Amino acid sequence: MTRKFTAVIVKEPEWYVAHCIELGVVSQGKTIEEAKANLKEAVELYLESFGTEDLPETSGEALFYPLEVAVGG
């Protein structure tokens, strides 16, 4: 059985940081591929530790956009 979750990868200065939105699991890697593989392993370990009952599943739709806000005075 497989489950689908939403993953986001953000480029930091030295790492790619991967985050599974529904579970709050985070991992990283020096490349996108490494970050993806590390996140998959981290999610699998999370599911082994906490089980698979009552897990949220992705809605299948995600929207990302640049958000610009005013800061300071």
C-alpha atoms as a PDB file:
ATOM      1  CA  MET A   1       0.000   0.000   0.000  1.00  0.00           C
ATOM      2  CA  THR A   2       1.231   3.499  -0.751  1.00  0.00           C
ATOM      3  CA  ARG A   3       0.208   6.916   0.553  1.00  0.00           C
ATOM      4  CA  LYS A   4       0.657  10.288  -1.114  1.00  0.00           C
ATOM      5  CA  PHE A   5       1.923  13.329   0.729  1.00  0.00           C
ATOM      6  CA  THR A   6       2.998  16.811  -0.317  1.00  0.00           C
ATOM      7  CA  ALA A   7       6.720  17.579  -0.257  1.00  0.00           C
ATOM      8  CA  VAL A   8       8.389  20.958  -0.658  1.00  0.00           C
ATOM      9  CA  ILE A   9      12.094  21.494  -1.293  1.00  0.00           C
ATOM     10  CA  VAL A  10      13.692  24.857  -0.582  1.00  0.00           C
ATOM     11  CA  LYS A  11      17.223  25.846  -1.596  1.00  0.00           C
ATOM     12  CA  GLU A  12      19.239  27.141   1.354  1.00  0.00           C
ATOM     13  CA  PRO A  13      22.789  28.503   0.965  1.00  0.00           C
ATOM     14  CA  GLU A  14      24.467  25.098   1.357  1.00  0.00           C
ATOM     15  CA  TRP A  15      21.587  22.579   1.440  1.00  0.00           C
ATOM     16  CA  TYR A  16      18.291  21.659  -0.119  1.00  0.00           C
ATOM     17  CA  VAL A  17      15.741  21.338   2.688  1.00  0.00           C
ATOM     18  CA  ALA A  18      12.831  18.956   2.053  1.00  0.00           C
ATOM     19  CA  HIS A  19       9.624  19.117   4.103  1.00  0.00           C
ATOM     20  CA  CYS A  20       6.643  16.756   4.140  1.00  0.00           C
ATOM     21  CA  ILE A  21       3.774  19.168   4.750  1.00  0.00           C
ATOM     22  CA  GLU A  22       1.187  16.766   6.177  1.00  0.00           C
ATOM     23  CA  LEU A  23       3.514  15.029   8.653  1.00  0.00           C
ATOM     24  CA  GLY A  24       5.900  17.851   9.539  1.00  0.00           C
ATOM     25  CA  VAL A  25       8.898  15.662   8.668  1.00  0.00           C
ATOM     26  CA  VAL A  26      11.990  17.543   7.468  1.00  0.00           C
ATOM     27  CA  SER A  27      15.268  16.366   5.935  1.00  0.00           C
ATOM     28  CA  GLN A  28      18.026  17.808   3.781  1.00  0.00           C
ATOM     29  CA  GLY A  29      20.650  17.012   1.176  1.00  0.00           C
ATOM     30  CA  LYS A  30      23.417  18.613  -0.842  1.00  0.00           C
ATOM     31  CA  THR A  31      21.411  17.995  -4.048  1.00  0.00           C
ATOM     32  CA  ILE A  32      17.696  17.901  -4.828  1.00  0.00           C
ATOM     33  CA  GLU A  33      17.908  14.155  -5.441  1.00  0.00           C
ATOM     34  CA  GLU A  34      19.655  13.595  -2.111  1.00  0.00           C
ATOM     35  CA  ALA A  35      17.109  15.755  -0.276  1.00  0.00           C
ATOM     36  CA  LYS A  36      14.247  13.785  -1.876  1.00  0.00           C
ATOM     37  CA  ALA A  37      15.811  10.432  -0.984  1.00  0.00           C
ATOM     38  CA  ASN A  38      16.529  11.561   2.583  1.00  0.00           C
ATOM     39  CA  LEU A  39      12.968  12.850   3.020  1.00  0.00           C
ATOM     40  CA  LYS A  40      11.524   9.578   1.717  1.00  0.00           C
ATOM     41  CA  GLU A  41      13.638   7.653   4.229  1.00  0.00           C
ATOM     42  CA  ALA A  42      12.667  10.042   7.044  1.00  0.00           C
ATOM     43  CA  VAL A  43       8.944   9.680   6.228  1.00  0.00           C
ATOM     44  CA  GLU A  44       9.264   5.882   6.128  1.00  0.00           C
ATOM     45  CA  LEU A  45      10.959   5.929   9.559  1.00  0.00           C
ATOM     46  CA  TYR A  46       8.238   8.255  10.866  1.00  0.00           C
ATOM     47  CA  LEU A  47       5.525   5.888   9.653  1.00  0.00           C
ATOM     48  CA  GLU A  48       7.327   2.873  11.181  1.00  0.00           C
ATOM     49  CA  SER A  49       7.565   4.695  14.516  1.00  0.00           C
ATOM     50  CA  PHE A  50       4.092   6.231  14.699  1.00  0.00           C
ATOM     51  CA  GLY A  51       2.005   3.889  12.560  1.00  0.00           C
ATOM     52  CA  THR A  52      -0.242   4.564   9.614  1.00  0.00           C
ATOM     53  CA  GLU A  53      -3.641   4.965  11.240  1.00  0.00           C
ATOM     54  CA  ASP A  54      -5.380   8.347  11.014  1.00  0.00           C
ATOM     55  CA  LEU A  55      -2.748   9.837   8.739  1.00  0.00           C
ATOM     56  CA  PRO A  56      -3.601  12.900   6.704  1.00  0.00           C
ATOM     57  CA  GLU A  57      -3.256  12.447   2.964  1.00  0.00           C
ATOM     58  CA  THR A  58      -2.620  15.118   0.380  1.00  0.00           C
ATOM     59  CA  SER A  59      -5.608  16.680  -1.287  1.00  0.00           C
ATOM     60  CA  GLY A  60      -3.693  16.381  -4.547  1.00  0.00           C
ATOM     61  CA  GLU A  61      -3.569  20.130  -5.089  1.00  0.00           C
ATOM     62  CA  ALA A  62      -0.878  22.516  -3.907  1.00  0.00           C
ATOM     63  CA  LEU A  63      -0.420  26.165  -4.816  1.00  0.00           C
ATOM     64  CA  PHE A  64       2.859  27.980  -4.277  1.00  0.00           C
ATOM     65  CA  TYR A  65       3.455  31.596  -5.145  1.00  0.00           C
ATOM     66  CA  PRO A  66       5.874  34.366  -4.218  1.00  0.00           C
ATOM     67  CA  LEU A  67       4.421  36.436  -1.387  1.00  0.00           C
ATOM     68  CA  GLU A  68       5.658  39.980  -0.971  1.00  0.00           C
ATOM     69  CA  VAL A  69       4.862  41.892   2.220  1.00  0.00           C
ATOM     70  CA  ALA A  70       5.936  45.233   3.637  1.00  0.00           C
ATOM     71  CA  VAL A  71       8.211  45.055   6.668  1.00  0.00           C
ATOM     72  CA  GLY A  72       9.524  47.733   8.964  1.00  0.00           C
ATOM     73  CA  GLY A  73       8.525  51.342   9.069  1.00  0.00           C
END
